[in-house]
PDB file of N, CA and C in Angstrom:
ATOM      1  N   MET A   1     -34.031 -10.721  -2.667  1.00  0.00           N
ATOM      2  CA  MET A   1     -33.902  -9.619  -2.526  1.00  0.00           C
ATOM      3  C   MET A   1     -31.491  -9.338  -2.239  1.00  0.00           C
ATOM      4  N   PRO A   2     -31.674  -8.095  -2.718  1.00  0.00           N
ATOM      5  CA  PRO A   2     -30.400  -8.188  -3.108  1.00  0.00           C
ATOM      6  C   PRO A   2     -29.145  -8.003  -1.910  1.00  0.00           C
ATOM      7  N   GLN A   3     -28.103  -8.714  -2.312  1.00  0.00           N
ATOM      8  CA  GLN A   3     -26.951  -8.375  -0.516  1.00  0.00           C
ATOM      9  C   GLN A   3     -27.040  -6.831  -0.629  1.00  0.00           C
ATOM     10  N   THR A   4     -26.925  -6.588   0.059  1.00  0.00           N
ATOM     11  CA  THR A   4     -25.704  -4.998   0.472  1.00  0.00           C
ATOM     12  C   THR A   4     -24.361  -5.427   1.463  1.00  0.00           C
ATOM     13  N   THR A   5     -23.697  -4.667   1.198  1.00  0.00           N
ATOM     14  CA  THR A   5     -21.815  -4.857   1.279  1.00  0.00           C
ATOM     15  C   THR A   5     -21.671  -3.611   1.730  1.00  0.00           C
ATOM     16  N   THR A   6     -21.229  -3.682   2.765  1.00  0.00           N
ATOM     17  CA  THR A   6     -20.286  -2.266   3.286  1.00  0.00           C
ATOM     18  C   THR A   6     -19.168  -1.580   2.701  1.00  0.00           C
ATOM     19  N   GLY A   7     -18.554  -2.190   2.070  1.00  0.00           N
ATOM     20  CA  GLY A   7     -17.348  -2.153   1.264  1.00  0.00           C
ATOM     21  C   GLY A   7     -16.379  -2.989   1.182  1.00  0.00           C
ATOM     22  N   PRO A   8     -15.231  -3.117   0.395  1.00  0.00           N
ATOM     23  CA  PRO A   8     -14.565  -3.968   0.192  1.00  0.00           C
ATOM     24  C   PRO A   8     -13.883  -4.285   1.181  1.00  0.00           C
ATOM     25  N   GLU A   9     -13.128  -5.456   1.835  1.00  0.00           N
ATOM     26  CA  GLU A   9     -12.799  -5.742   2.705  1.00  0.00           C
ATOM     27  C   GLU A   9     -10.953  -5.874   2.418  1.00  0.00           C
ATOM     28  N   PRO A  10     -10.637  -5.112   3.318  1.00  0.00           N
ATOM     29  CA  PRO A  10      -9.320  -4.946   3.883  1.00  0.00           C
ATOM     30  C   PRO A  10      -8.132  -5.562   2.492  1.00  0.00           C
ATOM     31  N   VAL A  11      -6.954  -5.438   2.097  1.00  0.00           N
ATOM     32  CA  VAL A  11      -6.501  -6.083   1.505  1.00  0.00           C
ATOM     33  C   VAL A  11      -5.336  -6.252   1.797  1.00  0.00           C
ATOM     34  N   THR A  12      -4.148  -6.476   2.134  1.00  0.00           N
ATOM     35  CA  THR A  12      -2.782  -6.867   2.539  1.00  0.00           C
ATOM     36  C   THR A  12      -2.041  -6.822   1.534  1.00  0.00           C
ATOM     37  N   VAL A  13      -1.272  -6.161   1.406  1.00  0.00           N
ATOM     38  CA  VAL A  13      -0.280  -6.160   0.218  1.00  0.00           C
ATOM     39  C   VAL A  13       1.417  -7.146   0.272  1.00  0.00           C
ATOM     40  N   ARG A  14       1.559  -7.884   0.283  1.00  0.00           N
ATOM     41  CA  ARG A  14       3.180  -8.337   0.893  1.00  0.00           C
ATOM     42  C   ARG A  14       3.783  -8.606  -0.635  1.00  0.00           C
ATOM     43  N   PRO A  15       5.054  -7.743  -0.719  1.00  0.00           N
ATOM     44  CA  PRO A  15       5.955  -8.265  -1.667  1.00  0.00           C
ATOM     45  C   PRO A  15       6.253  -9.955  -2.180  1.00  0.00           C
ATOM     46  N   ASN A  16       6.374 -10.123  -3.237  1.00  0.00           N
ATOM     47  CA  ASN A  16       6.248 -11.944  -3.509  1.00  0.00           C
ATOM     48  C   ASN A  16       8.047 -11.998  -3.158  1.00  0.00           C
ATOM     49  N   VAL A  17       7.833 -12.327  -1.876  1.00  0.00           N
ATOM     50  CA  VAL A  17       9.780 -12.226  -1.643  1.00  0.00           C
ATOM     51  C   VAL A  17      10.805 -13.091  -2.951  1.00  0.00           C
ATOM     52  N   TRP A  18       9.932 -14.636  -3.726  1.00  0.00           N
ATOM     53  CA  TRP A  18      10.484 -14.825  -4.234  1.00  0.00           C
ATOM     54  C   TRP A  18      11.152 -14.446  -5.719  1.00  0.00           C
ATOM     55  N   LEU A  19      10.321 -13.585  -5.315  1.00  0.00           N
ATOM     56  CA  LEU A  19      10.818 -11.847  -7.294  1.00  0.00           C
ATOM     57  C   LEU A  19      11.668 -11.518  -6.957  1.00  0.00           C
ATOM     58  N   LEU A  20      11.957 -10.513  -5.737  1.00  0.00           N
ATOM     59  CA  LEU A  20      12.609  -9.750  -5.208  1.00  0.00           C
ATOM     60  C   LEU A  20      14.275 -10.207  -5.322  1.00  0.00           C
ATOM     61  N   SER A  21      15.592  -9.667  -5.525  1.00  0.00           N
ATOM     62  CA  SER A  21      16.480  -9.661  -5.369  1.00  0.00           C
ATOM     63  C   SER A  21      16.822  -9.913  -4.054  1.00  0.00           C
ATOM     64  N   SER A  22      18.278 -10.734  -3.558  1.00  0.00           N
ATOM     65  CA  SER A  22      18.307 -10.561  -2.372  1.00  0.00           C
ATOM     66  C   SER A  22      18.789  -9.072  -1.713  1.00  0.00           C
ATOM     67  N   ASP A  23      19.139  -8.269  -2.469  1.00  0.00           N
ATOM     68  CA  ASP A  23      19.055  -6.526  -1.903  1.00  0.00           C
ATOM     69  C   ASP A  23      17.588  -5.626  -1.848  1.00  0.00           C
ATOM     70  N   GLU A  24      17.106  -6.353  -2.318  1.00  0.00           N
ATOM     71  CA  GLU A  24      15.716  -6.353  -1.914  1.00  0.00           C
ATOM     72  C   GLU A  24      14.644  -6.711  -1.387  1.00  0.00           C
ATOM     73  N   ILE A  25      15.416  -7.643  -0.620  1.00  0.00           N
ATOM     74  CA  ILE A  25      14.516  -7.901   0.500  1.00  0.00           C
ATOM     75  C   ILE A  25      14.393  -7.785   1.886  1.00  0.00           C
ATOM     76  N   PRO A  26      13.611  -6.464   2.289  1.00  0.00           N
ATOM     77  CA  PRO A  26      13.956  -6.448   4.272  1.00  0.00           C
ATOM     78  C   PRO A  26      14.347  -7.783   4.869  1.00  0.00           C
ATOM     79  N   PRO A  27      15.148  -6.788   6.078  1.00  0.00           N
ATOM     80  CA  PRO A  27      15.492  -7.989   6.749  1.00  0.00           C
ATOM     81  C   PRO A  27      14.349  -8.360   8.087  1.00  0.00           C
ATOM     82  N   LEU A  28      13.665  -9.522   7.925  1.00  0.00           N
ATOM     83  CA  LEU A  28      12.904 -10.131   9.060  1.00  0.00           C
ATOM     84  C   LEU A  28      12.636  -9.846  10.495  1.00  0.00           C
ATOM     85  N   LEU A  29      14.558 -10.276  10.678  1.00  0.00           N
ATOM     86  CA  LEU A  29      14.631  -9.936  12.020  1.00  0.00           C
ATOM     87  C   LEU A  29      16.168  -9.031  12.341  1.00  0.00           C
ATOM     88  N   PHE A  30      16.498  -8.549  13.476  1.00  0.00           N
ATOM     89  CA  PHE A  30      17.219  -7.313  13.594  1.00  0.00           C
ATOM     90  C   PHE A  30      18.006  -8.026  14.649  1.00  0.00           C
ATOM     91  N   THR A  31      19.332  -7.462  15.011  1.00  0.00           N
ATOM     92  CA  THR A  31      20.539  -8.023  16.202  1.00  0.00           C
ATOM     93  C   THR A  31      20.388  -7.200  17.005  1.00  0.00           C
ATOM     94  N   CYS A  32      20.745  -7.262  17.987  1.00  0.00           N
ATOM     95  CA  CYS A  32      20.537  -6.460  19.420  1.00  0.00           C
ATOM     96  C   CYS A  32      20.912  -4.890  18.650  1.00  0.00           C
ATOM     97  N   GLU A  33      21.918  -5.000  18.488  1.00  0.00           N
ATOM     98  CA  GLU A  33      22.979  -3.856  17.754  1.00  0.00           C
ATOM     99  C   GLU A  33      21.903  -3.148  16.771  1.00  0.00           C
ATOM    100  N   GLN A  34      21.487  -3.600  15.805  1.00  0.00           N
ATOM    101  CA  GLN A  34      21.043  -2.929  14.477  1.00  0.00           C
ATOM    102  C   GLN A  34      19.494  -2.837  15.243  1.00  0.00           C
ATOM    103  N   ALA A  35      19.340  -2.818  15.858  1.00  0.00           N
ATOM    104  CA  ALA A  35      17.550  -2.564  16.666  1.00  0.00           C
ATOM    105  C   ALA A  35      17.710  -1.287  18.173  1.00  0.00           C
ATOM    106  N   ALA A  36      19.047  -1.564  18.821  1.00  0.00           N
ATOM    107  CA  ALA A  36      19.070  -0.570  19.637  1.00  0.00           C
ATOM    108  C   ALA A  36      19.873   0.605  18.749  1.00  0.00           C
ATOM    109  N   ARG A  37      20.268   0.864  17.439  1.00  0.00           N
ATOM    110  CA  ARG A  37      20.613   1.582  16.615  1.00  0.00           C
ATOM    111  C   ARG A  37      18.516   2.653  15.584  1.00  0.00           C
ATOM    112  N   PHE A  38      17.905   1.853  15.552  1.00  0.00           N
ATOM    113  CA  PHE A  38      16.998   1.527  15.117  1.00  0.00           C
ATOM    114  C   PHE A  38      15.826   2.179  16.321  1.00  0.00           C
ATOM    115  N   LEU A  39      15.691   1.754  17.292  1.00  0.00           N
ATOM    116  CA  LEU A  39      15.480   2.904  18.686  1.00  0.00           C
ATOM    117  C   LEU A  39      15.970   3.797  19.054  1.00  0.00           C
ATOM    118  N   ASN A  40      17.425   4.351  18.787  1.00  0.00           N
ATOM    119  CA  ASN A  40      18.332   5.459  19.502  1.00  0.00           C
ATOM    120  C   ASN A  40      18.653   5.187  20.863  1.00  0.00           C
ATOM    121  N   VAL A  41      18.403   3.555  21.255  1.00  0.00           N
ATOM    122  CA  VAL A  41      18.834   3.696  22.552  1.00  0.00           C
ATOM    123  C   VAL A  41      20.492   2.908  22.477  1.00  0.00           C
ATOM    124  N   GLY A  42      20.949   2.841  22.994  1.00  0.00           N
ATOM    125  CA  GLY A  42      21.871   1.995  23.528  1.00  0.00           C
ATOM    126  C   GLY A  42      22.224   0.386  23.688  1.00  0.00           C
ATOM    127  N   ARG A  43      22.729  -0.658  23.280  1.00  0.00           N
ATOM    128  CA  ARG A  43      22.726  -2.379  23.323  1.00  0.00           C
ATOM    129  C   ARG A  43      22.073  -2.562  24.265  1.00  0.00           C
ATOM    130  N   HIS A  44      23.037  -2.500  25.780  1.00  0.00           N
ATOM    131  CA  HIS A  44      22.272  -2.483  26.519  1.00  0.00           C
ATOM    132  C   HIS A  44      21.131  -2.643  27.181  1.00  0.00           C
ATOM    133  N   ARG A  45      20.453  -1.179  26.633  1.00  0.00           N
ATOM    134  CA  ARG A  45      19.025  -1.011  27.432  1.00  0.00           C
ATOM    135  C   ARG A  45      18.304  -1.949  26.501  1.00  0.00           C
ATOM    136  N   ILE A  46      18.550  -2.915  25.418  1.00  0.00           N
ATOM    137  CA  ILE A  46      17.649  -3.476  24.340  1.00  0.00           C
ATOM    138  C   ILE A  46      17.677  -4.389  24.923  1.00  0.00           C
ATOM    139  N   PHE A  47      18.789  -4.712  25.715  1.00  0.00           N
ATOM    140  CA  PHE A  47      19.159  -6.368  26.464  1.00  0.00           C
ATOM    141  C   PHE A  47      18.143  -6.157  27.940  1.00  0.00           C
ATOM    142  N   ASP A  48      18.112  -5.116  28.665  1.00  0.00           N
ATOM    143  CA  ASP A  48      16.925  -4.500  29.363  1.00  0.00           C
ATOM    144  C   ASP A  48      15.545  -4.889  28.943  1.00  0.00           C
ATOM    145  N   LEU A  49      15.246  -4.193  28.181  1.00  0.00           N
ATOM    146  CA  LEU A  49      13.869  -4.041  27.610  1.00  0.00           C
ATOM    147  C   LEU A  49      13.109  -5.680  27.580  1.00  0.00           C
ATOM    148  N   ILE A  50      14.618  -6.542  26.968  1.00  0.00           N
ATOM    149  CA  ILE A  50      13.910  -7.837  26.264  1.00  0.00           C
ATOM    150  C   ILE A  50      14.068  -8.516  27.751  1.00  0.00           C
ATOM    151  N   ARG A  51      14.362  -8.432  29.135  1.00  0.00           N
ATOM    152  CA  ARG A  51      15.086  -9.305  30.137  1.00  0.00           C
ATOM    153  C   ARG A  51      13.483  -8.902  30.808  1.00  0.00           C
ATOM    154  N   VAL A  52      13.139  -7.830  30.918  1.00  0.00           N
ATOM    155  CA  VAL A  52      11.932  -7.512  31.725  1.00  0.00           C
ATOM    156  C   VAL A  52      10.515  -7.580  31.245  1.00  0.00           C
ATOM    157  N   GLY A  53      10.589  -8.252  29.841  1.00  0.00           N
ATOM    158  CA  GLY A  53       9.670  -8.545  28.597  1.00  0.00           C
ATOM    159  C   GLY A  53       8.933  -7.316  27.828  1.00  0.00           C
ATOM    160  N   GLU A  54       9.690  -6.604  27.954  1.00  0.00           N
ATOM    161  CA  GLU A  54       8.741  -5.022  27.031  1.00  0.00           C
ATOM    162  C   GLU A  54       9.151  -4.860  25.744  1.00  0.00           C
ATOM    163  N   LEU A  55      10.409  -6.248  25.097  1.00  0.00           N
ATOM    164  CA  LEU A  55      10.689  -6.235  24.037  1.00  0.00           C
ATOM    165  C   LEU A  55      11.072  -7.332  23.716  1.00  0.00           C
ATOM    166  N   ARG A  56       9.819  -7.836  22.706  1.00  0.00           N
ATOM    167  CA  ARG A  56      10.093  -9.519  22.256  1.00  0.00           C
ATOM    168  C   ARG A  56      11.124 -10.085  21.636  1.00  0.00           C
ATOM    169  N   SER A  57      11.477 -11.050  22.329  1.00  0.00           N
ATOM    170  CA  SER A  57      13.107 -11.156  21.147  1.00  0.00           C
ATOM    171  C   SER A  57      13.176 -13.112  20.782  1.00  0.00           C
ATOM    172  N   VAL A  58      13.679 -13.205  19.719  1.00  0.00           N
ATOM    173  CA  VAL A  58      13.784 -15.324  19.807  1.00  0.00           C
ATOM    174  C   VAL A  58      15.660 -15.766  19.629  1.00  0.00           C
ATOM    175  N   LYS A  59      15.394 -16.447  20.272  1.00  0.00           N
ATOM    176  CA  LYS A  59      16.835 -17.030  19.875  1.00  0.00           C
ATOM    177  C   LYS A  59      16.846 -17.804  18.733  1.00  0.00           C
ATOM    178  N   VAL A  60      18.213 -17.699  17.738  1.00  0.00           N
ATOM    179  CA  VAL A  60      18.515 -18.271  16.682  1.00  0.00           C
ATOM    180  C   VAL A  60      19.794 -18.327  17.040  1.00  0.00           C
ATOM    181  N   GLY A  61      20.612 -19.843  17.006  1.00  0.00           N
ATOM    182  CA  GLY A  61      21.551 -19.757  17.329  1.00  0.00           C
ATOM    183  C   GLY A  61      22.286 -19.511  19.125  1.00  0.00           C
ATOM    184  N   ASN A  62      22.659 -18.986  19.665  1.00  0.00           N
ATOM    185  CA  ASN A  62      22.763 -18.299  20.625  1.00  0.00           C
ATOM    186  C   ASN A  62      22.822 -17.006  20.643  1.00  0.00           C
ATOM    187  N   SER A  63      21.883 -16.661  19.722  1.00  0.00           N
ATOM    188  CA  SER A  63      21.989 -15.006  19.453  1.00  0.00           C
ATOM    189  C   SER A  63      20.886 -14.726  19.669  1.00  0.00           C
ATOM    190  N   ARG A  64      20.797 -13.556  20.447  1.00  0.00           N
ATOM    191  CA  ARG A  64      19.337 -12.500  20.677  1.00  0.00           C
ATOM    192  C   ARG A  64      18.665 -12.273  19.529  1.00  0.00           C
ATOM    193  N   ARG A  65      17.714 -12.201  18.552  1.00  0.00           N
ATOM    194  CA  ARG A  65      16.957 -11.231  17.554  1.00  0.00           C
ATOM    195  C   ARG A  65      15.828 -10.956  17.699  1.00  0.00           C
ATOM    196  N   ILE A  66      15.276  -9.633  16.865  1.00  0.00           N
ATOM    197  CA  ILE A  66      14.474  -8.890  17.097  1.00  0.00           C
ATOM    198  C   ILE A  66      13.316  -8.479  16.606  1.00  0.00           C
ATOM    199  N   SER A  67      12.514  -9.091  15.900  1.00  0.00           N
ATOM    200  CA  SER A  67      11.880  -8.932  14.773  1.00  0.00           C
ATOM    201  C   SER A  67      11.475  -7.465  14.599  1.00  0.00           C
ATOM    202  N   ALA A  68      11.221  -6.747  12.921  1.00  0.00           N
ATOM    203  CA  ALA A  68      10.561  -5.524  12.711  1.00  0.00           C
ATOM    204  C   ALA A  68       9.000  -5.956  13.852  1.00  0.00           C
ATOM    205  N   ARG A  69       8.249  -6.444  13.337  1.00  0.00           N
ATOM    206  CA  ARG A  69       6.752  -6.511  13.875  1.00  0.00           C
ATOM    207  C   ARG A  69       6.796  -6.250  15.724  1.00  0.00           C
ATOM    208  N   ALA A  70       8.050  -6.806  16.561  1.00  0.00           N
ATOM    209  CA  ALA A  70       7.847  -6.860  17.290  1.00  0.00           C
ATOM    210  C   ALA A  70       8.995  -4.809  17.958  1.00  0.00           C
ATOM    211  N   LEU A  71       9.522  -4.703  16.900  1.00  0.00           N
ATOM    212  CA  LEU A  71      10.032  -3.399  17.086  1.00  0.00           C
ATOM    213  C   LEU A  71       9.204  -2.064  17.512  1.00  0.00           C
ATOM    214  N   ALA A  72       7.732  -2.860  15.907  1.00  0.00           N
ATOM    215  CA  ALA A  72       6.918  -1.872  15.874  1.00  0.00           C
ATOM    216  C   ALA A  72       5.717  -1.412  16.695  1.00  0.00           C
ATOM    217  N   ASP A  73       5.758  -3.158  17.678  1.00  0.00           N
ATOM    218  CA  ASP A  73       4.420  -3.406  18.705  1.00  0.00           C
ATOM    219  C   ASP A  73       5.467  -2.401  20.709  1.00  0.00           C
ATOM    220  N   TYR A  74       6.786  -2.308  20.167  1.00  0.00           N
ATOM    221  CA  TYR A  74       6.986  -1.720  21.691  1.00  0.00           C
ATOM    222  C   TYR A  74       6.820  -0.082  20.600  1.00  0.00           C
ATOM    223  N   VAL A  75       7.205   0.352  19.809  1.00  0.00           N
ATOM    224  CA  VAL A  75       7.021   1.609  19.828  1.00  0.00           C
ATOM    225  C   VAL A  75       5.637   2.746  19.261  1.00  0.00           C
ATOM    226  N   ALA A  76       5.040   1.502  19.379  1.00  0.00           N
ATOM    227  CA  ALA A  76       2.991   1.636  19.352  1.00  0.00           C
ATOM    228  C   ALA A  76       3.143   1.983  20.605  1.00  0.00           C
ATOM    229  N   ALA A  77       3.535   0.859  21.520  1.00  0.00           N
ATOM    230  CA  ALA A  77       3.280   0.601  23.123  1.00  0.00           C
ATOM    231  C   ALA A  77       3.364   2.182  23.401  1.00  0.00           C
ATOM    232  N   LEU A  78       4.938   2.479  23.372  1.00  0.00           N
ATOM    233  CA  LEU A  78       5.148   3.889  23.643  1.00  0.00           C
ATOM    234  C   LEU A  78       4.768   5.220  23.511  1.00  0.00           C
ATOM    235  N   GLU A  79       4.127   5.217  22.385  1.00  0.00           N
ATOM    236  CA  GLU A  79       3.169   5.917  21.855  1.00  0.00           C
ATOM    237  C   GLU A  79       1.664   6.000  22.876  1.00  0.00           C
ATOM    238  N   VAL A  80       1.208   4.687  23.316  1.00  0.00           N
ATOM    239  CA  VAL A  80       0.435   4.875  23.806  1.00  0.00           C
ATOM    240  C   VAL A  80       0.260   5.527  25.193  1.00  0.00           C
ATOM    241  N   THR A  81       1.422   5.112  25.925  1.00  0.00           N
ATOM    242  CA  THR A  81       1.887   5.518  27.370  1.00  0.00           C
ATOM    243  C   THR A  81       2.026   6.630  27.255  1.00  0.00           C
ATOM    244  N   SER A  82       2.478   7.325  26.399  1.00  0.00           N
ATOM    245  CA  SER A  82       3.547   8.880  26.624  1.00  0.00           C
ATOM    246  C   SER A  82       2.268  10.042  26.401  1.00  0.00           C
ATOM    247  N   GLY A  83       1.041   8.682  25.285  1.00  0.00           N
ATOM    248  CA  GLY A  83       0.005   9.945  25.417  1.00  0.00           C
ATOM    249  C   GLY A  83       0.100  10.654  23.805  1.00  0.00           C
TER     250      GLY A  83
END
């Protein structure tokens, strides 16, 4: 009996960072200042969002960093709650 398929599985394309120059590699982590500029808010607002758990962050040494994924997730959550 022939097998049926529903179509090809989705493919995630990721650049091979080993083949990119350092100027072409997008940052994985942002400083709080960079995240604030990205979201068009103040630096203190970023720290408030981290403190209340609305924006995920990681510690790198003594500094806080925010991943591009965390920024995208925060914006997506805003879109859901804003309608």
